């Protein structure tokens, strides 16, 4: 068998099957998946995701997750795009200095 020239990425917690209820929890914890993408794949709104997280997590874990989601603006697609533009502007300004 021929080995690939690309490295194989191994992760501790791979993405679960999208049909399972664990996928919503995994996606909610993930920083790269927005609430809009979760709604597209599972038809669950942000309120539904919050209810699922409240039921499935311990109280302290839920509080940490809510704090993280409120502070991180990348869980919403519009804010994520805006943040990416801000990052690009900062990088471009630093290149010319």
N, C-alpha and C. Protein backbone atom coordinates (compact mmCIF):
# COMPACT_ATOMS: atom_id res chain seq x y z
N UNK A 1 0.84 -1.17 0.00
CA UNK A 1 0.00 0.00 0.00
C UNK A 1 0.89 1.24 0.00
N UNK A 2 0.60 2.17 -0.87
CA UNK A 2 1.39 3.39 -1.01
C UNK A 2 1.00 4.39 0.09
N UNK A 3 2.02 4.95 0.69
CA UNK A 3 1.78 5.97 1.71
C UNK A 3 1.57 7.32 1.05
N UNK A 4 0.72 8.10 1.65
CA UNK A 4 0.43 9.44 1.14
C UNK A 4 1.55 10.39 1.54
N UNK A 5 1.76 11.41 0.74
CA UNK A 5 2.76 12.41 1.09
C UNK A 5 2.22 13.41 2.10
N UNK A 6 0.91 13.39 2.33
CA UNK A 6 0.29 14.28 3.30
C UNK A 6 0.23 13.59 4.67
N UNK A 7 0.47 14.32 5.73
CA UNK A 7 0.38 13.70 7.05
C UNK A 7 -1.07 13.41 7.42
N UNK A 8 -1.25 12.37 8.20
CA UNK A 8 -2.58 12.01 8.67
C UNK A 8 -2.83 12.74 9.98
N UNK A 9 -3.93 13.47 10.03
CA UNK A 9 -4.27 14.21 11.24
C UNK A 9 -5.12 13.32 12.13
N UNK A 10 -4.64 13.10 13.33
CA UNK A 10 -5.40 12.31 14.30
C UNK A 10 -5.85 13.25 15.39
N UNK A 11 -7.12 13.15 15.74
CA UNK A 11 -7.68 14.01 16.76
C UNK A 11 -8.17 13.16 17.92
N UNK A 12 -8.19 13.77 19.11
CA UNK A 12 -8.66 13.05 20.28
C UNK A 12 -10.14 12.72 20.18
N UNK A 13 -10.92 13.71 19.78
CA UNK A 13 -12.36 13.52 19.69
C UNK A 13 -12.80 13.79 18.26
N UNK A 14 -12.86 12.75 17.42
CA UNK A 14 -13.28 12.96 16.04
C UNK A 14 -14.76 13.33 15.96
N UNK A 15 -15.15 13.84 14.82
CA UNK A 15 -16.53 14.26 14.62
C UNK A 15 -17.46 13.04 14.66
N UNK A 16 -18.49 13.08 15.51
CA UNK A 16 -19.43 11.96 15.54
C UNK A 16 -20.33 11.98 14.32
N UNK A 17 -21.07 10.89 14.13
CA UNK A 17 -22.00 10.79 13.03
C UNK A 17 -23.04 11.90 13.15
N UNK A 18 -23.34 12.58 12.06
CA UNK A 18 -24.26 13.73 12.12
C UNK A 18 -25.69 13.33 12.44
N UNK A 19 -26.02 12.05 12.35
CA UNK A 19 -27.36 11.59 12.70
C UNK A 19 -27.53 11.44 14.20
N UNK A 20 -26.44 11.31 14.92
CA UNK A 20 -26.54 11.08 16.36
C UNK A 20 -26.76 12.40 17.11
N UNK A 21 -27.41 12.33 18.28
CA UNK A 21 -27.60 13.55 19.07
C UNK A 21 -26.29 14.11 19.61
N UNK A 22 -25.26 13.31 19.67
CA UNK A 22 -23.96 13.78 20.14
C UNK A 22 -23.33 14.78 19.18
N UNK A 23 -23.76 14.76 17.92
CA UNK A 23 -23.19 15.69 16.95
C UNK A 23 -23.52 17.13 17.32
N UNK A 24 -24.74 17.37 17.80
CA UNK A 24 -25.15 18.74 18.18
C UNK A 24 -24.27 19.24 19.32
N UNK A 25 -24.01 18.38 20.30
CA UNK A 25 -23.16 18.76 21.43
C UNK A 25 -21.74 19.03 20.95
N UNK A 26 -21.24 18.16 20.10
CA UNK A 26 -19.88 18.32 19.55
C UNK A 26 -19.78 19.62 18.76
N UNK A 27 -20.78 19.89 17.93
CA UNK A 27 -20.77 21.10 17.10
C UNK A 27 -20.91 22.36 17.95
N UNK A 28 -21.70 22.28 19.02
CA UNK A 28 -21.87 23.45 19.88
C UNK A 28 -20.56 23.79 20.59
N UNK A 29 -19.79 22.80 20.97
CA UNK A 29 -18.50 23.05 21.61
C UNK A 29 -17.45 23.53 20.61
N UNK A 30 -17.62 23.14 19.36
CA UNK A 30 -16.63 23.49 18.35
C UNK A 30 -16.69 24.98 18.02
N UNK A 31 -15.53 25.61 17.91
CA UNK A 31 -15.48 27.04 17.60
C UNK A 31 -15.69 27.31 16.12
N UNK A 32 -15.44 26.35 15.29
CA UNK A 32 -15.51 26.58 13.85
C UNK A 32 -16.90 26.36 13.26
N UNK A 33 -17.83 25.84 14.04
CA UNK A 33 -19.17 25.57 13.53
C UNK A 33 -20.14 26.58 14.13
N UNK A 34 -20.79 27.33 13.28
CA UNK A 34 -21.70 28.37 13.74
C UNK A 34 -23.08 27.79 14.02
N UNK A 35 -23.90 28.56 14.73
CA UNK A 35 -25.27 28.13 14.99
C UNK A 35 -26.06 27.99 13.68
N UNK A 36 -25.75 28.79 12.70
CA UNK A 36 -26.44 28.70 11.42
C UNK A 36 -26.14 27.37 10.73
N UNK A 37 -24.89 26.92 10.80
CA UNK A 37 -24.53 25.63 10.21
C UNK A 37 -25.22 24.48 10.94
N UNK A 38 -25.33 24.59 12.26
CA UNK A 38 -26.03 23.56 13.03
C UNK A 38 -27.49 23.51 12.60
N UNK A 39 -28.09 24.67 12.39
CA UNK A 39 -29.49 24.71 11.96
C UNK A 39 -29.66 24.12 10.57
N UNK A 40 -28.71 24.37 9.67
CA UNK A 40 -28.78 23.82 8.32
C UNK A 40 -28.72 22.30 8.33
N UNK A 41 -27.89 21.74 9.18
CA UNK A 41 -27.70 20.28 9.19
C UNK A 41 -28.73 19.54 10.03
N UNK A 42 -29.20 20.16 11.13
CA UNK A 42 -30.08 19.43 12.04
C UNK A 42 -31.45 20.05 12.22
N UNK A 43 -31.66 21.24 11.66
CA UNK A 43 -32.92 21.99 11.81
C UNK A 43 -33.20 22.37 13.26
N UNK A 44 -32.17 22.53 14.06
CA UNK A 44 -32.33 22.95 15.45
C UNK A 44 -31.83 24.39 15.57
N UNK A 45 -32.68 25.24 16.14
CA UNK A 45 -32.32 26.64 16.29
C UNK A 45 -31.34 26.80 17.45
N UNK A 46 -30.88 28.03 17.64
CA UNK A 46 -29.96 28.31 18.75
C UNK A 46 -30.61 28.00 20.09
N UNK A 47 -31.90 28.32 20.23
CA UNK A 47 -32.61 28.02 21.47
C UNK A 47 -32.67 26.52 21.73
N UNK A 48 -32.90 25.73 20.67
CA UNK A 48 -32.94 24.27 20.81
C UNK A 48 -31.58 23.72 21.23
N UNK A 49 -30.53 24.28 20.64
CA UNK A 49 -29.17 23.85 20.99
C UNK A 49 -28.88 24.16 22.46
N UNK A 50 -29.30 25.33 22.92
CA UNK A 50 -29.09 25.70 24.32
C UNK A 50 -29.83 24.74 25.23
N UNK A 51 -31.07 24.37 24.87
CA UNK A 51 -31.84 23.41 25.67
C UNK A 51 -31.14 22.05 25.73
N UNK A 52 -30.63 21.60 24.59
CA UNK A 52 -29.91 20.31 24.54
C UNK A 52 -28.67 20.37 25.42
N UNK A 53 -27.93 21.45 25.32
CA UNK A 53 -26.72 21.59 26.12
C UNK A 53 -27.05 21.66 27.60
N UNK A 54 -28.12 22.34 27.96
CA UNK A 54 -28.52 22.45 29.37
C UNK A 54 -28.87 21.08 29.94
N UNK A 55 -29.56 20.24 29.13
CA UNK A 55 -29.95 18.91 29.59
C UNK A 55 -28.77 17.95 29.67
N UNK A 56 -27.86 18.05 28.73
CA UNK A 56 -26.81 17.03 28.62
C UNK A 56 -25.54 17.35 29.40
N UNK A 57 -25.32 18.61 29.75
CA UNK A 57 -24.10 18.98 30.47
C UNK A 57 -24.37 19.16 31.96
N UNK A 58 -23.31 19.05 32.73
CA UNK A 58 -23.39 19.40 34.14
C UNK A 58 -23.61 20.90 34.24
N UNK A 59 -24.11 21.34 35.39
CA UNK A 59 -24.45 22.76 35.55
C UNK A 59 -23.24 23.66 35.33
N UNK A 60 -22.10 23.31 35.90
CA UNK A 60 -20.91 24.15 35.76
C UNK A 60 -20.39 24.13 34.33
N UNK A 61 -20.45 22.98 33.67
CA UNK A 61 -20.01 22.89 32.28
C UNK A 61 -20.89 23.73 31.38
N UNK A 62 -22.20 23.72 31.66
CA UNK A 62 -23.11 24.54 30.88
C UNK A 62 -22.80 26.03 31.06
N UNK A 63 -22.52 26.44 32.29
CA UNK A 63 -22.19 27.84 32.56
C UNK A 63 -20.92 28.25 31.80
N UNK A 64 -19.92 27.37 31.81
CA UNK A 64 -18.69 27.66 31.09
C UNK A 64 -18.93 27.77 29.58
N UNK A 65 -19.78 26.87 29.07
CA UNK A 65 -20.08 26.90 27.64
C UNK A 65 -20.81 28.18 27.26
N UNK A 66 -21.81 28.59 28.07
CA UNK A 66 -22.56 29.81 27.79
C UNK A 66 -21.65 31.04 27.84
N UNK A 67 -20.76 31.05 28.81
CA UNK A 67 -19.82 32.17 28.91
C UNK A 67 -18.92 32.22 27.68
N UNK A 68 -18.49 31.06 27.24
CA UNK A 68 -17.62 30.97 26.07
C UNK A 68 -18.35 31.41 24.81
N UNK A 69 -19.60 30.98 24.66
CA UNK A 69 -20.37 31.33 23.47
C UNK A 69 -20.68 32.82 23.44
N UNK A 70 -20.98 33.41 24.59
CA UNK A 70 -21.28 34.84 24.64
C UNK A 70 -20.05 35.67 24.30
N UNK A 71 -18.89 35.27 24.80
CA UNK A 71 -17.67 36.04 24.59
C UNK A 71 -17.09 35.85 23.20
N UNK A 72 -17.24 34.66 22.65
CA UNK A 72 -16.70 34.40 21.32
C UNK A 72 -17.74 34.80 20.29
N UNK A 73 -17.36 35.64 19.39
CA UNK A 73 -18.31 36.12 18.41
C UNK A 73 -18.33 35.24 17.17
N UNK A 74 -17.61 34.13 17.18
CA UNK A 74 -17.55 33.31 15.97
C UNK A 74 -18.64 32.26 15.90
N UNK A 75 -19.52 32.20 16.90
CA UNK A 75 -20.60 31.23 16.85
C UNK A 75 -21.76 31.70 15.97
N UNK A 76 -21.71 32.95 15.50
CA UNK A 76 -22.70 33.48 14.58
C UNK A 76 -22.00 33.86 13.29
N UNK A 77 -22.57 33.47 12.18
CA UNK A 77 -21.92 33.62 10.88
C UNK A 77 -21.56 35.07 10.56
N UNK A 78 -22.47 36.01 10.80
CA UNK A 78 -22.18 37.41 10.47
C UNK A 78 -21.02 37.94 11.29
N UNK A 79 -21.03 37.63 12.57
CA UNK A 79 -19.96 38.09 13.44
C UNK A 79 -18.64 37.41 13.08
N UNK A 80 -18.71 36.14 12.67
CA UNK A 80 -17.51 35.41 12.30
C UNK A 80 -16.86 36.05 11.08
N UNK A 81 -17.66 36.40 10.10
CA UNK A 81 -17.11 37.04 8.91
C UNK A 81 -16.50 38.39 9.24
N UNK A 82 -17.16 39.14 10.13
CA UNK A 82 -16.65 40.45 10.53
C UNK A 82 -15.31 40.28 11.24
N UNK A 83 -15.20 39.30 12.15
CA UNK A 83 -13.95 39.07 12.86
C UNK A 83 -12.82 38.68 11.91
N UNK A 84 -13.13 37.88 10.91
CA UNK A 84 -12.10 37.47 9.95
C UNK A 84 -11.58 38.70 9.20
N UNK A 85 -12.48 39.64 8.86
CA UNK A 85 -12.05 40.85 8.16
C UNK A 85 -11.15 41.69 9.06
N UNK A 86 -11.49 41.78 10.35
CA UNK A 86 -10.66 42.53 11.30
C UNK A 86 -9.27 41.92 11.42
N UNK A 87 -9.22 40.60 11.46
CA UNK A 87 -7.92 39.91 11.57
C UNK A 87 -7.08 40.20 10.33
N UNK A 88 -7.71 40.14 9.16
CA UNK A 88 -6.98 40.39 7.92
C UNK A 88 -6.45 41.82 7.87
N UNK A 89 -7.26 42.77 8.36
CA UNK A 89 -6.80 44.17 8.37
C UNK A 89 -5.58 44.32 9.26
N UNK A 90 -5.60 43.69 10.41
CA UNK A 90 -4.48 43.79 11.33
C UNK A 90 -3.22 43.17 10.73
N UNK A 91 -3.38 42.04 10.04
CA UNK A 91 -2.24 41.39 9.42
C UNK A 91 -1.67 42.27 8.31
N UNK A 92 -2.55 42.84 7.49
CA UNK A 92 -2.10 43.68 6.39
C UNK A 92 -1.40 44.94 6.89
N UNK A 93 -1.89 45.53 7.97
CA UNK A 93 -1.24 46.72 8.55
C UNK A 93 0.15 46.37 9.06
N UNK A 94 0.30 45.22 9.68
CA UNK A 94 1.60 44.81 10.23
C UNK A 94 2.60 44.48 9.14
N UNK A 95 2.13 44.07 7.96
CA UNK A 95 3.05 43.75 6.87
C UNK A 95 3.78 44.99 6.35
N UNK A 96 3.13 46.13 6.41
CA UNK A 96 3.72 47.34 5.85
C UNK A 96 4.55 48.14 6.83
N UNK A 97 4.53 47.74 8.06
CA UNK A 97 5.28 48.49 9.08
C UNK A 97 6.74 48.12 9.06
